[in-house]
Amino acid sequence: MNFSVIIPARYQAQRLPGKPLREIHGKPLIQWVVECARRSSAREIIVATDDPRVARVVESFGAQVCLTTGDHASGTDRLAEVVQSRGYDDEHVVVNLQGDEPLMPAAVIDQVANNLLARPHSQMATVCSRIRTLEELFDPHVVKVVSDADGHALYFSRAAIPWDREEFPCHQQLPVHSEHFRHIGLYAYRAGFLTRFVRWSPCPLETSEKLEQLRALYHGARIHVAEAVETPGPGVDTEADLLAVTEHLQAARSHQ
C-alpha cells in the first residue's frame, strides 16, 4: 500500500526519561517499534526525533531518521514537520505510530492506512477495541469513542460514553444492550490535512479533555473509526509499563 509510517520519538519523556533508548531484551524500545512498522505494508518508515542520541541509535539498526526541531508541543507537530520536509502530496497517507508502542500489530497499521485510503472524504482514520469491564469503562486514563452509522467518530472522551441512563446509576455490570469502545491511539492522516491541523489552536474541548483529536472534530473533520482486527499489547509510559512489556515479550517467546 502507498503510505508512510512516521514514528515520533522524544527522548525527554516526563514519566520515563530516555524512553526511546530504554532496553527490552537487549534492544532499545524504538527498535521494537520500528520492527512493528517493518512488518506492515508501509512503503517507508521514518523515525522523527529531536535528539541526536536517538537518531544515532536509529541509524545504527538501519532505519531512516529525520531530526526535527525541539520545540514541538506534540508528536503530531513533529509529524507535520516531517511531512513538510518530505514534500508529500496532499492526499498521501501518513500513519502516526507512537514511539512507545512496541506491541502494535502490523495488521492494525495496515488496517488504519487502508481504511483512510478507501475513504476519500475522510481526513483521518483510527481504531478502537471493545470494552469488556466496568473498571476499564470508568477509568479516565482509558479514552472512549462513539461513532455514527458510517463509522465516523462523534466524540472521544475520558468519561464513560455512551452513558446508560438505566444501568449506570448502579453500575454493577456492563449493560447487555449497549456497546462501549476504547480508542487506540494509532492514526492515519492525509498529509494536506495534517499540515492544516497543526496550524489550528487547541479548542476548548481538547483543552478540557486533554485529547488532541477533538480539535479535528471541532473543526468539522471526519475521523473514521474501526474496531481493530487485532488488539495491541500495552504501550510504555512508565517503569511499570516497561516491565509489563518485557514480561509480555518473554511470555510470547516461551510459547514459540
Protein backbone atom coordinates (compact mmCIF):
# COMPACT_ATOMS: atom_id res chain seq x y z
CA MET A 1 0.00 0.00 0.00
CA ASN A 2 1.12 3.52 -0.71
CA PHE A 3 1.51 5.01 2.75
CA SER A 4 4.28 6.10 5.09
CA VAL A 5 4.75 5.38 8.78
CA ILE A 6 6.27 8.16 10.87
CA ILE A 7 7.28 7.35 14.43
CA PRO A 8 7.68 10.38 16.73
CA ALA A 9 10.26 9.66 19.44
CA ARG A 10 11.04 12.20 22.16
CA TYR A 11 13.96 11.49 24.48
CA GLN A 12 12.81 13.67 27.39
CA ALA A 13 9.57 11.90 28.29
CA GLN A 14 8.41 13.25 31.66
CA ARG A 15 7.40 9.95 33.23
CA LEU A 16 10.19 7.84 31.70
CA PRO A 17 13.26 9.89 30.73
CA GLY A 18 15.26 8.45 27.85
CA LYS A 19 12.28 6.28 26.92
CA PRO A 20 13.14 5.56 23.25
CA LEU A 21 16.51 4.12 24.28
CA ARG A 22 15.36 2.07 27.26
CA GLU A 23 16.20 -1.57 26.55
CA ILE A 24 13.85 -4.52 26.33
CA HIS A 25 15.59 -7.87 25.88
CA GLY A 26 18.74 -6.20 24.59
CA LYS A 27 17.10 -3.85 22.09
CA PRO A 28 16.05 -0.22 22.56
CA LEU A 29 12.33 0.45 22.72
CA ILE A 30 12.41 2.44 19.49
CA GLN A 31 13.82 -0.56 17.62
CA TRP A 32 10.92 -2.73 18.73
CA VAL A 33 8.52 -0.08 17.40
CA VAL A 34 10.35 0.18 14.06
CA GLU A 35 10.22 -3.60 13.71
CA CYS A 36 6.43 -3.46 14.15
CA ALA A 37 6.27 -0.94 11.31
CA ARG A 38 8.59 -3.03 9.13
CA ARG A 39 6.13 -5.92 9.28
CA SER A 40 3.44 -3.66 7.81
CA SER A 41 2.96 -2.78 4.12
CA ALA A 42 4.29 0.77 4.50
CA ARG A 43 6.43 1.99 1.61
CA GLU A 44 8.71 3.88 4.02
CA ILE A 45 9.30 4.20 7.75
CA ILE A 46 10.77 7.34 9.34
CA VAL A 47 11.63 7.97 12.97
CA ALA A 48 11.12 11.65 13.83
CA THR A 49 13.19 12.82 16.79
CA ASP A 50 14.77 16.00 18.12
CA ASP A 51 17.56 14.17 19.93
CA PRO A 52 20.86 13.18 18.27
CA ARG A 53 21.25 10.26 20.70
CA VAL A 54 18.04 8.72 19.44
CA ALA A 55 19.00 9.48 15.84
CA ARG A 56 22.35 7.70 16.17
CA VAL A 57 20.76 4.59 17.64
CA VAL A 58 18.06 4.50 14.96
CA GLU A 59 20.67 4.79 12.21
CA SER A 60 22.72 2.02 13.87
CA PHE A 61 19.99 -0.54 13.20
CA GLY A 62 19.42 0.68 9.66
CA ALA A 63 16.26 2.74 9.99
CA GLN A 64 15.58 6.12 8.44
CA VAL A 65 15.55 9.12 10.76
CA CYS A 66 14.56 12.76 10.48
CA LEU A 67 15.92 15.24 13.01
CA THR A 68 13.23 17.77 13.91
CA THR A 69 13.22 20.92 15.97
CA GLY A 70 12.93 20.63 19.73
CA ASP A 71 10.01 22.98 20.34
CA HIS A 72 7.10 20.79 19.23
CA ALA A 73 4.16 20.59 21.62
CA SER A 74 3.17 17.10 20.47
CA GLY A 75 4.13 14.18 18.30
CA THR A 76 1.59 15.37 15.74
CA ASP A 77 3.52 18.62 15.31
CA ARG A 78 6.68 16.57 14.83
CA LEU A 79 4.92 14.53 12.13
CA ALA A 80 3.83 17.68 10.34
CA GLU A 81 7.41 18.91 10.15
CA VAL A 82 8.46 15.65 8.50
CA VAL A 83 5.52 15.83 6.08
CA GLN A 84 6.53 19.34 5.04
CA SER A 85 10.21 18.46 4.69
CA ARG A 86 9.39 15.42 2.56
CA GLY A 87 7.07 17.37 0.28
CA TYR A 88 4.31 14.76 0.30
CA ASP A 89 1.29 15.21 -1.94
CA ASP A 90 -1.77 16.41 -0.02
CA GLU A 91 -3.50 13.03 -0.50
CA HIS A 92 -0.55 10.95 0.67
CA VAL A 93 -1.45 8.87 3.72
CA VAL A 94 0.76 9.05 6.79
CA VAL A 95 0.39 6.75 9.80
CA ASN A 96 1.38 8.11 13.20
CA LEU A 97 2.79 5.15 15.12
CA GLN A 98 3.69 6.30 18.62
CA GLY A 99 7.30 5.66 19.60
CA ASP A 100 6.19 3.87 22.77
CA GLU A 101 4.02 1.18 21.11
CA PRO A 102 6.32 -1.85 20.72
CA LEU A 103 3.41 -4.30 20.50
CA MET A 104 1.34 -2.70 17.74
CA PRO A 105 0.29 -5.45 15.29
CA ALA A 106 1.34 -4.83 11.69
CA ALA A 107 -2.17 -5.82 10.60
CA VAL A 108 -3.61 -2.87 12.52
CA ILE A 109 -1.12 -0.46 10.97
CA ASP A 110 -2.20 -1.69 7.53
CA GLN A 111 -5.86 -1.54 8.58
CA VAL A 112 -5.83 2.11 9.62
CA ALA A 113 -3.95 3.16 6.47
CA ASN A 114 -6.18 1.13 4.18
CA ASN A 115 -9.34 2.47 5.83
CA LEU A 116 -8.29 6.03 5.07
CA LEU A 117 -7.13 5.21 1.55
CA ALA A 118 -10.56 3.70 0.88
CA ARG A 119 -12.43 6.81 2.12
CA PRO A 120 -11.55 9.89 0.05
CA HIS A 121 -13.94 12.10 2.05
CA SER A 122 -12.34 11.32 5.43
CA GLN A 123 -9.36 13.26 6.71
CA MET A 124 -8.25 10.84 9.42
CA ALA A 125 -8.69 7.22 10.47
CA THR A 126 -8.13 5.43 13.74
CA VAL A 127 -9.08 2.21 15.54
CA CYS A 128 -10.72 1.03 18.73
CA SER A 129 -11.29 -2.11 20.78
CA ARG A 130 -14.31 -3.37 22.68
CA ILE A 131 -14.54 -2.53 26.38
CA ARG A 132 -15.40 -5.59 28.46
CA THR A 133 -15.15 -4.44 32.09
CA LEU A 134 -16.63 -1.67 34.20
CA GLU A 135 -13.18 -0.88 35.54
CA GLU A 136 -11.96 -0.06 32.03
CA LEU A 137 -15.10 1.90 31.16
CA PHE A 138 -14.85 4.19 34.19
CA ASP A 139 -11.06 4.63 34.05
CA PRO A 140 -10.31 8.24 32.95
CA HIS A 141 -6.98 7.06 31.51
CA VAL A 142 -8.95 4.94 29.02
CA VAL A 143 -10.27 7.09 26.18
CA LYS A 144 -13.70 6.12 24.93
CA VAL A 145 -15.12 6.76 21.46
CA VAL A 146 -18.62 6.74 19.97
CA SER A 147 -19.25 6.65 16.22
CA ASP A 148 -22.06 7.25 13.75
CA ALA A 149 -23.73 4.78 11.39
CA ASP A 150 -20.94 5.21 8.82
CA GLY A 151 -18.18 4.55 11.33
CA HIS A 152 -17.10 8.15 11.80
CA ALA A 153 -16.32 9.47 15.26
CA LEU A 154 -18.96 11.52 17.02
CA TYR A 155 -16.92 12.15 20.17
CA PHE A 156 -13.94 10.97 22.21
CA SER A 157 -13.97 11.26 25.98
CA ARG A 158 -12.31 10.15 29.19
CA ALA A 159 -15.82 9.79 30.62
CA ALA A 160 -17.97 6.69 30.22
CA ILE A 161 -19.78 7.18 26.90
CA PRO A 162 -22.42 6.33 25.93
CA TRP A 163 -23.93 6.75 29.38
CA ASP A 164 -26.64 4.14 30.02
CA ARG A 165 -29.27 6.03 32.00
CA GLU A 166 -30.98 2.91 33.30
CA GLU A 167 -27.95 0.77 34.16
CA PHE A 168 -25.21 3.13 35.28
CA PRO A 169 -26.62 4.63 38.48
CA CYS A 170 -25.88 1.21 39.99
CA HIS A 171 -23.13 0.23 37.50
CA GLN A 172 -22.83 -3.34 38.75
CA GLN A 173 -22.08 -4.69 35.29
CA LEU A 174 -21.77 -3.60 31.68
CA PRO A 175 -25.18 -3.12 30.05
CA VAL A 176 -26.03 -6.01 27.76
CA HIS A 177 -27.85 -3.81 25.25
CA SER A 178 -25.18 -1.15 24.62
CA GLU A 179 -21.60 -1.27 23.35
CA HIS A 180 -18.56 0.64 24.56
CA PHE A 181 -15.27 1.10 22.77
CA ARG A 182 -11.77 2.05 23.85
CA HIS A 183 -9.87 4.32 21.50
CA ILE A 184 -6.45 3.07 20.38
CA GLY A 185 -4.03 5.92 19.70
CA LEU A 186 -2.99 4.94 16.19
CA TYR A 187 -3.84 7.46 13.46
CA ALA A 188 -3.70 7.78 9.70
CA TYR A 189 -3.83 11.28 8.19
CA ARG A 190 -3.94 12.77 4.75
CA ALA A 191 -0.77 14.86 4.53
CA GLY A 192 -2.56 18.04 3.47
CA PHE A 193 -4.99 17.80 6.36
CA LEU A 194 -2.19 17.18 8.86
CA THR A 195 -0.49 20.39 7.75
CA ARG A 196 -3.73 22.32 8.33
CA PHE A 197 -4.46 20.59 11.62
CA VAL A 198 -1.28 21.72 13.37
CA ARG A 199 -1.99 25.35 12.42
CA TRP A 200 -5.24 25.35 14.41
CA SER A 201 -5.15 26.42 18.04
CA PRO A 202 -6.30 23.91 20.66
CA CYS A 203 -10.08 24.08 21.03
CA PRO A 204 -11.98 24.20 24.37
CA LEU A 205 -12.96 20.52 24.14
CA GLU A 206 -9.35 19.48 23.61
CA THR A 207 -8.16 21.66 26.47
CA SER A 208 -10.76 20.19 28.82
CA GLU A 209 -10.35 16.50 27.94
CA LYS A 210 -6.65 16.71 27.01
CA LEU A 211 -7.43 14.86 23.77
CA GLU A 212 -5.86 16.31 20.63
CA GLN A 213 -8.22 14.51 18.23
CA LEU A 214 -11.11 16.63 19.49
CA ARG A 215 -9.51 19.56 17.68
CA ALA A 216 -10.16 17.77 14.40
CA LEU A 217 -13.82 17.09 15.26
CA TYR A 218 -14.27 20.67 16.46
CA HIS A 219 -13.24 21.93 13.03
CA GLY A 220 -15.53 19.52 11.18
CA ALA A 221 -13.03 16.85 10.13
CA ARG A 222 -14.24 13.31 9.58
CA ILE A 223 -12.37 10.63 11.54
CA HIS A 224 -13.13 7.07 10.53
CA VAL A 225 -13.08 4.58 13.41
CA ALA A 226 -12.94 0.80 13.00
CA GLU A 227 -12.66 -2.00 15.51
CA ALA A 228 -9.05 -3.19 15.36
CA VAL A 229 -8.51 -6.54 13.65
CA GLU A 230 -6.09 -7.40 16.49
CA THR A 231 -5.85 -5.90 19.96
CA PRO A 232 -2.46 -4.25 20.53
CA GLY A 233 -0.37 -5.11 23.55
CA PRO A 234 0.42 -2.48 26.20
CA GLY A 235 2.31 0.69 25.42
CA VAL A 236 5.12 2.15 27.53
CA ASP A 237 4.63 5.29 29.63
CA THR A 238 6.17 4.30 32.97
CA GLU A 239 8.70 1.94 34.53
CA ALA A 240 5.83 -0.41 35.37
CA ASP A 241 4.74 -0.41 31.71
CA LEU A 242 8.30 -1.19 30.63
CA LEU A 243 8.33 -4.20 32.94
CA ALA A 244 4.91 -5.33 31.70
CA VAL A 245 6.04 -5.20 28.05
CA THR A 246 9.25 -7.05 28.92
CA GLU A 247 7.24 -9.80 30.58
CA HIS A 248 4.76 -9.89 27.70
CA LEU A 249 7.53 -10.39 25.14
CA GLN A 250 9.21 -13.01 27.32
CA ALA A 251 5.93 -14.95 27.56
CA ALA A 252 5.48 -14.70 23.79
CA ARG A 253 8.97 -16.09 23.23
CA SER A 254 8.37 -19.02 25.57
CA HIS A 255 5.29 -20.05 23.57
CA GLN A 256 7.06 -20.02 20.21
